[in-house]
Structures are given as C-alpha cells and as structure tokens.
Amino acid sequence: MCSALKMSGRLQATIIERTVQTPDVITLKFTTNEPLVYQAGQCVTVYFEDTDVKQGKAYSLSSCPLDPEPSITVKKIGLFSGKLHKLKVGDNLTISSPYGFLNNSSQKPLVALAAGVGIAPIWSIIRNECNQKSHRPIALLYSNKINRDIVFRSDIDNLVKHTKNFNRQYFITRETTKNAISRRINIVQDLTNDQLKKSDFLVCGSLSFVRNIWRQLIEAGVDKNRILTETFFEAL
C-alpha cells in the first residue's frame, strides 16, 4: 500500500509490453493518454469496474522517471491481480495519477530491504539513483522464499557490475542455493555498525516482513525517522 492518499484524477493506459519475471510475477509496460509525471517509488491505483473493488488497488511503479514508458510489476495472488495477468499488448486499463512518498530523496547512504514483489518500488528508486550518477552508497538486501522468485535478478546483477556504489545480497528462506544466503535477513548480522548509524532505510514487502524488519532496525538503535516503509498486502 502506498504512503499517501490516492489522487482523484484517472488516466487511460494502453499495455505496450508484457514481461514474465517469475512464474507468478509479470511487468506491464504502458502508455497513457496524458504524460505520466512521477517520482521514483510512487504508485498508481488500477481500476476494474467489473469487480467489487470500486476503490481500485494500488500498484507500485517499477519503472523510474527516466524510462521512456512507465510500468508496474504484479504478483498473481487473487481476482484483481489475476485480471492484470490476463492483459495483453494492446489492452486498455484505467489508472490514477501517481502518488506516494516512499522515496525521501536523501543524500545519506541507502539501505533497501525488500521481500518478493516488494522489490518493485525499491528497484525504481535504486535505478533512479544510479541513472542520475549518484555517488550515494546503496545496499540492497532482497529476500525470497525460493531462488526462482527473485524478480529482476539479471537486471539487478547487471547493475551491480556497472555501478561501483551499489551492492546487493539475496536471501532465500525455503531452499539452499548458490549466490544467496539461506535464511531470513538479520539486521545486526547483515549490516555494519556504520550502516546502522549513517544510513536511511527503505523497507517494502508483506506486512509480516515489514513489521519484522522495522522491529529489528529499532532494536538495533536506528531512529524511526530514518525508516520509510511500504506494505504489499497479499490479497485481491
């Protein structure tokens, strides 16, 4: 769920590209009937009039503002996300204007912690920082249940290779795999004292993940004003 009340304006969008990220996650790239001006980490509300969810459902933009077209990345969970998964190139949908304040645009070192499809707004922010040639140190800790659930893996790995100030670590909780730590994220174990004292933090994932990471950060002495969170509810 995004970090602000949704905007009232509605736009018409047309799907121009559909990319399968994992067996249950896709990215939908689209154009809109009006220019979509947004900040990295924001989201849009998607509306389907033929459902009981008249208020729509929020989806984070996984693209960054420098991309030619915006995109959302969606995990198939229920009715609403299932309808998005059925969309094809050329199909239309209705969305809101972008909103949300996950990105605080700080110049402090950034530690981003994501789980599952919670990587979507995090990836938008990371790419935006790197595309702007920011010298801000960025660390990504990304948790998934199994290896094949890692969204944007090849893109993340490629960005690490070409960006000196960006590093990442994958965590896999339900299997043992190469190039990943086979357990849950442990803040004290996985971050340095310097990171805990000097960084800003972005946390995005399921409610249980966000609560757990928040608690760990607070217990490690991180000021709550340096932590921004966004929860992805596993429903609809």
Protein backbone atom coordinates (compact mmCIF):
# COMPACT_ATOMS: atom_id res chain seq x y z
CA MET A 1 0.00 0.00 0.00
CA CYS A 2 1.44 3.36 -0.99
CA SER A 3 2.37 6.03 1.52
CA ALA A 4 -0.31 8.62 0.72
CA LEU A 5 -3.96 9.01 -0.15
CA LYS A 6 -4.63 8.23 -3.79
CA MET A 7 -5.07 11.00 -6.33
CA SER A 8 -8.54 11.56 -7.78
CA GLY A 9 -7.55 12.00 -11.43
CA ARG A 10 -7.95 8.99 -13.73
CA LEU A 11 -5.96 8.21 -16.84
CA GLN A 12 -6.38 5.73 -19.66
CA ALA A 13 -3.45 3.39 -20.17
CA THR A 14 -2.61 1.00 -23.01
CA ILE A 15 -0.37 -2.04 -22.49
CA ILE A 16 2.60 -2.00 -24.88
CA GLU A 17 4.75 -4.76 -23.37
CA ARG A 18 4.18 -7.75 -21.09
CA THR A 19 7.25 -9.38 -19.49
CA VAL A 20 7.21 -12.55 -17.39
CA GLN A 21 9.57 -12.06 -14.44
CA THR A 22 8.86 -15.28 -12.47
CA PRO A 23 6.13 -17.96 -12.72
CA ASP A 24 3.68 -15.67 -10.87
CA VAL A 25 5.08 -12.15 -11.45
CA ILE A 26 4.79 -10.03 -14.58
CA THR A 27 5.74 -6.49 -15.57
CA LEU A 28 3.27 -4.46 -17.63
CA LYS A 29 4.71 -1.53 -19.56
CA PHE A 30 2.15 1.01 -20.75
CA THR A 31 1.49 4.38 -22.31
CA THR A 32 -1.10 6.87 -21.07
CA ASN A 33 -3.40 9.39 -22.76
CA GLU A 34 -1.64 12.16 -20.81
CA PRO A 35 2.04 12.38 -19.81
CA LEU A 36 2.65 10.45 -16.60
CA VAL A 37 4.85 12.57 -14.35
CA TYR A 38 6.05 10.72 -11.26
CA GLN A 39 8.83 10.28 -8.74
CA ALA A 40 10.76 7.05 -8.21
CA GLY A 41 8.97 4.84 -5.68
CA GLN A 42 5.47 6.17 -6.33
CA CYS A 43 2.45 4.07 -7.28
CA VAL A 44 -0.82 4.24 -9.18
CA THR A 45 -4.24 2.85 -8.43
CA VAL A 46 -5.66 0.47 -11.02
CA TYR A 47 -9.44 0.32 -11.50
CA PHE A 48 -11.60 -2.51 -12.84
CA GLU A 49 -15.25 -1.52 -12.92
CA ASP A 50 -16.41 -5.15 -13.24
CA THR A 51 -15.16 -6.05 -9.75
CA ASP A 52 -16.47 -5.30 -6.26
CA VAL A 53 -13.31 -3.28 -5.53
CA LYS A 54 -14.62 0.07 -6.78
CA GLN A 55 -11.87 1.99 -4.99
CA GLY A 56 -9.27 0.16 -7.06
CA LYS A 57 -6.00 -1.32 -5.92
CA ALA A 58 -2.58 0.30 -5.63
CA TYR A 59 0.43 -0.98 -7.57
CA SER A 60 3.91 0.49 -7.33
CA LEU A 61 5.63 1.76 -10.45
CA SER A 62 8.67 -0.45 -11.04
CA SER A 63 9.96 1.88 -13.76
CA CYS A 64 11.95 5.00 -12.98
CA PRO A 65 11.16 8.52 -14.28
CA LEU A 66 13.97 8.39 -16.86
CA ASP A 67 12.43 5.36 -18.59
CA PRO A 68 10.60 6.04 -21.87
CA GLU A 69 7.43 4.38 -20.57
CA PRO A 70 6.13 3.56 -17.06
CA SER A 71 5.50 0.03 -15.79
CA ILE A 72 4.02 -1.87 -12.86
CA THR A 73 5.15 -5.26 -11.62
CA VAL A 74 2.39 -7.55 -10.36
CA LYS A 75 2.29 -10.84 -8.46
CA LYS A 76 -0.69 -13.06 -9.24
CA ILE A 77 -2.47 -13.61 -5.94
CA GLY A 78 -6.22 -13.23 -6.38
CA LEU A 79 -9.01 -11.82 -8.55
CA PHE A 80 -7.66 -8.31 -9.10
CA SER A 81 -4.06 -9.24 -9.83
CA GLY A 82 -5.35 -12.16 -11.88
CA LYS A 83 -7.16 -9.75 -14.18
CA LEU A 84 -3.93 -7.80 -14.66
CA HIS A 85 -2.10 -11.01 -15.53
CA LYS A 86 -4.64 -11.69 -18.28
CA LEU A 87 -3.98 -8.36 -20.02
CA LYS A 88 -2.28 -8.50 -23.40
CA VAL A 89 -0.43 -5.96 -25.51
CA GLY A 90 -2.98 -3.50 -26.85
CA ASP A 91 -5.42 -3.92 -23.95
CA ASN A 92 -6.55 -0.83 -22.02
CA LEU A 93 -6.98 -0.13 -18.33
CA THR A 94 -7.79 2.82 -16.08
CA ILE A 95 -5.26 4.14 -13.56
CA SER A 96 -4.94 7.07 -11.17
CA SER A 97 -2.31 9.79 -11.26
CA PRO A 98 0.88 8.72 -9.43
CA TYR A 99 1.14 9.27 -5.67
CA GLY A 100 3.12 8.18 -2.62
CA PHE A 101 6.20 9.24 -0.68
CA LEU A 102 8.38 6.16 -0.20
CA ASN A 103 11.46 7.95 -1.54
CA ASN A 104 12.77 10.69 0.75
CA SER A 105 15.43 11.85 -1.79
CA SER A 106 18.10 11.91 0.93
CA GLN A 107 21.82 12.01 0.19
CA LYS A 108 22.66 9.69 3.07
CA PRO A 109 23.76 6.11 2.31
CA LEU A 110 20.74 4.00 1.47
CA VAL A 111 19.91 0.51 2.71
CA ALA A 112 16.93 -1.04 0.91
CA LEU A 113 15.26 -4.16 2.28
CA ALA A 114 12.69 -5.92 0.12
CA ALA A 115 10.78 -9.18 0.04
CA GLY A 116 9.12 -10.74 -3.00
CA VAL A 117 7.33 -8.31 -5.30
CA GLY A 118 8.08 -5.60 -2.73
CA ILE A 119 11.17 -5.06 -4.87
CA ALA A 120 9.06 -3.02 -7.34
CA PRO A 121 9.28 0.49 -5.78
CA ILE A 122 12.73 -0.27 -4.35
CA TRP A 123 14.01 -1.10 -7.84
CA SER A 124 12.51 2.12 -9.17
CA ILE A 125 14.38 4.15 -6.55
CA ILE A 126 17.68 2.30 -6.93
CA ARG A 127 17.68 2.63 -10.71
CA ASN A 128 16.77 6.29 -10.49
CA GLU A 129 19.70 6.96 -8.16
CA CYS A 130 22.13 5.04 -10.37
CA ASN A 131 20.84 6.59 -13.61
CA GLN A 132 21.43 10.03 -12.18
CA LYS A 133 25.07 9.08 -11.49
CA SER A 134 24.53 9.50 -7.76
CA HIS A 135 27.55 8.70 -5.59
CA ARG A 136 25.26 7.68 -2.75
CA PRO A 137 26.21 4.22 -1.39
CA ILE A 138 23.29 1.83 -1.91
CA ALA A 139 22.89 -1.64 -0.40
CA LEU A 140 20.03 -3.96 -1.33
CA LEU A 141 19.03 -6.89 0.89
CA TYR A 142 16.42 -8.89 -1.01
CA SER A 143 14.54 -11.85 0.49
CA ASN A 144 12.50 -14.53 -1.30
CA LYS A 145 11.17 -17.97 -0.44
CA ILE A 146 12.90 -19.80 -3.31
CA ASN A 147 15.50 -18.89 -5.90
CA ARG A 148 13.12 -18.62 -8.86
CA ASP A 149 11.05 -15.99 -7.02
CA ILE A 150 13.80 -13.36 -7.37
CA VAL A 151 12.31 -10.59 -9.53
CA PHE A 152 14.65 -8.52 -11.75
CA ARG A 153 17.61 -10.75 -10.84
CA SER A 154 19.51 -10.38 -14.11
CA ASP A 155 18.88 -6.62 -14.13
CA ILE A 156 20.00 -6.26 -10.51
CA ASP A 157 23.15 -8.30 -11.12
CA ASN A 158 23.95 -6.29 -14.24
CA LEU A 159 23.56 -3.00 -12.37
CA VAL A 160 25.93 -4.25 -9.65
CA LYS A 161 28.56 -4.99 -12.30
CA HIS A 162 28.37 -1.50 -13.75
CA THR A 163 27.82 0.60 -10.61
CA LYS A 164 30.59 0.97 -8.03
CA ASN A 165 28.41 2.32 -5.22
CA PHE A 166 25.65 -0.35 -5.47
CA ASN A 167 25.82 -3.81 -3.92
CA ARG A 168 23.23 -6.46 -3.20
CA GLN A 169 22.70 -9.65 -1.25
CA TYR A 170 19.99 -12.23 -1.86
CA PHE A 171 18.34 -14.19 0.95
CA ILE A 172 16.43 -17.43 0.28
CA THR A 173 14.33 -18.79 3.15
CA ARG A 174 13.00 -22.15 1.92
CA GLU A 175 15.84 -23.75 -0.03
CA THR A 176 19.62 -23.80 -0.27
CA THR A 177 21.03 -22.21 -3.40
CA LYS A 178 24.27 -20.75 -4.74
CA ASN A 179 24.90 -16.99 -4.61
CA ALA A 180 22.33 -16.45 -1.85
CA ILE A 181 22.20 -16.68 1.94
CA SER A 182 19.84 -19.46 3.01
CA ARG A 183 18.00 -17.75 5.87
CA ARG A 184 15.98 -14.68 6.75
CA ILE A 185 17.53 -11.22 6.93
CA ASN A 186 19.16 -10.49 10.29
CA ILE A 187 19.80 -6.76 10.67
CA VAL A 188 22.58 -6.99 13.27
CA GLN A 189 24.31 -9.79 11.39
CA ASP A 190 23.92 -8.43 7.86
CA LEU A 191 24.58 -4.70 8.32
CA THR A 192 27.66 -2.94 9.64
CA ASN A 193 27.56 -0.54 12.58
CA ASP A 194 28.43 2.23 10.13
CA GLN A 195 25.38 1.40 8.01
CA LEU A 196 23.11 1.32 11.04
CA LYS A 197 24.36 4.71 12.26
CA LYS A 198 24.55 6.63 8.98
CA SER A 199 22.04 5.17 6.50
CA ASP A 200 18.46 5.84 5.58
CA PHE A 201 16.29 2.74 5.21
CA LEU A 202 13.58 1.69 2.78
CA VAL A 203 11.54 -1.42 3.66
CA CYS A 204 8.95 -2.97 1.36
CA GLY A 205 7.21 -6.35 1.39
CA SER A 206 4.45 -8.25 3.14
CA LEU A 207 3.04 -6.97 6.43
CA SER A 208 4.93 -9.61 8.44
CA PHE A 209 8.21 -8.81 6.65
CA VAL A 210 7.88 -5.06 7.15
CA ARG A 211 6.97 -5.46 10.84
CA ASN A 212 9.89 -7.81 11.46
CA ILE A 213 12.47 -5.60 9.73
CA TRP A 214 11.10 -2.46 11.43
CA ARG A 215 11.40 -4.12 14.83
CA GLN A 216 14.94 -5.27 14.12
CA LEU A 217 16.02 -1.81 12.97
CA ILE A 218 14.53 -0.10 16.02
CA GLU A 219 16.14 -2.65 18.36
CA ALA A 220 19.46 -2.02 16.60
CA GLY A 221 19.20 1.66 17.50
CA VAL A 222 18.02 3.13 14.19
CA ASP A 223 15.94 6.30 14.57
CA LYS A 224 12.43 5.68 13.21
CA ASN A 225 12.68 8.93 11.23
CA ARG A 226 15.31 7.24 9.04
CA ILE A 227 12.96 4.37 8.11
CA LEU A 228 10.38 4.53 5.33
CA THR A 229 8.10 1.52 4.78
CA GLU A 230 5.54 0.27 2.33
CA THR A 231 3.39 -2.82 2.78
CA PHE A 232 2.21 -5.08 -0.01
CA PHE A 233 -0.97 -6.81 1.15
CA GLU A 234 -1.28 -10.37 -0.13
CA ALA A 235 -4.91 -10.15 -1.15
CA LEU A 236 -7.02 -9.42 -4.18
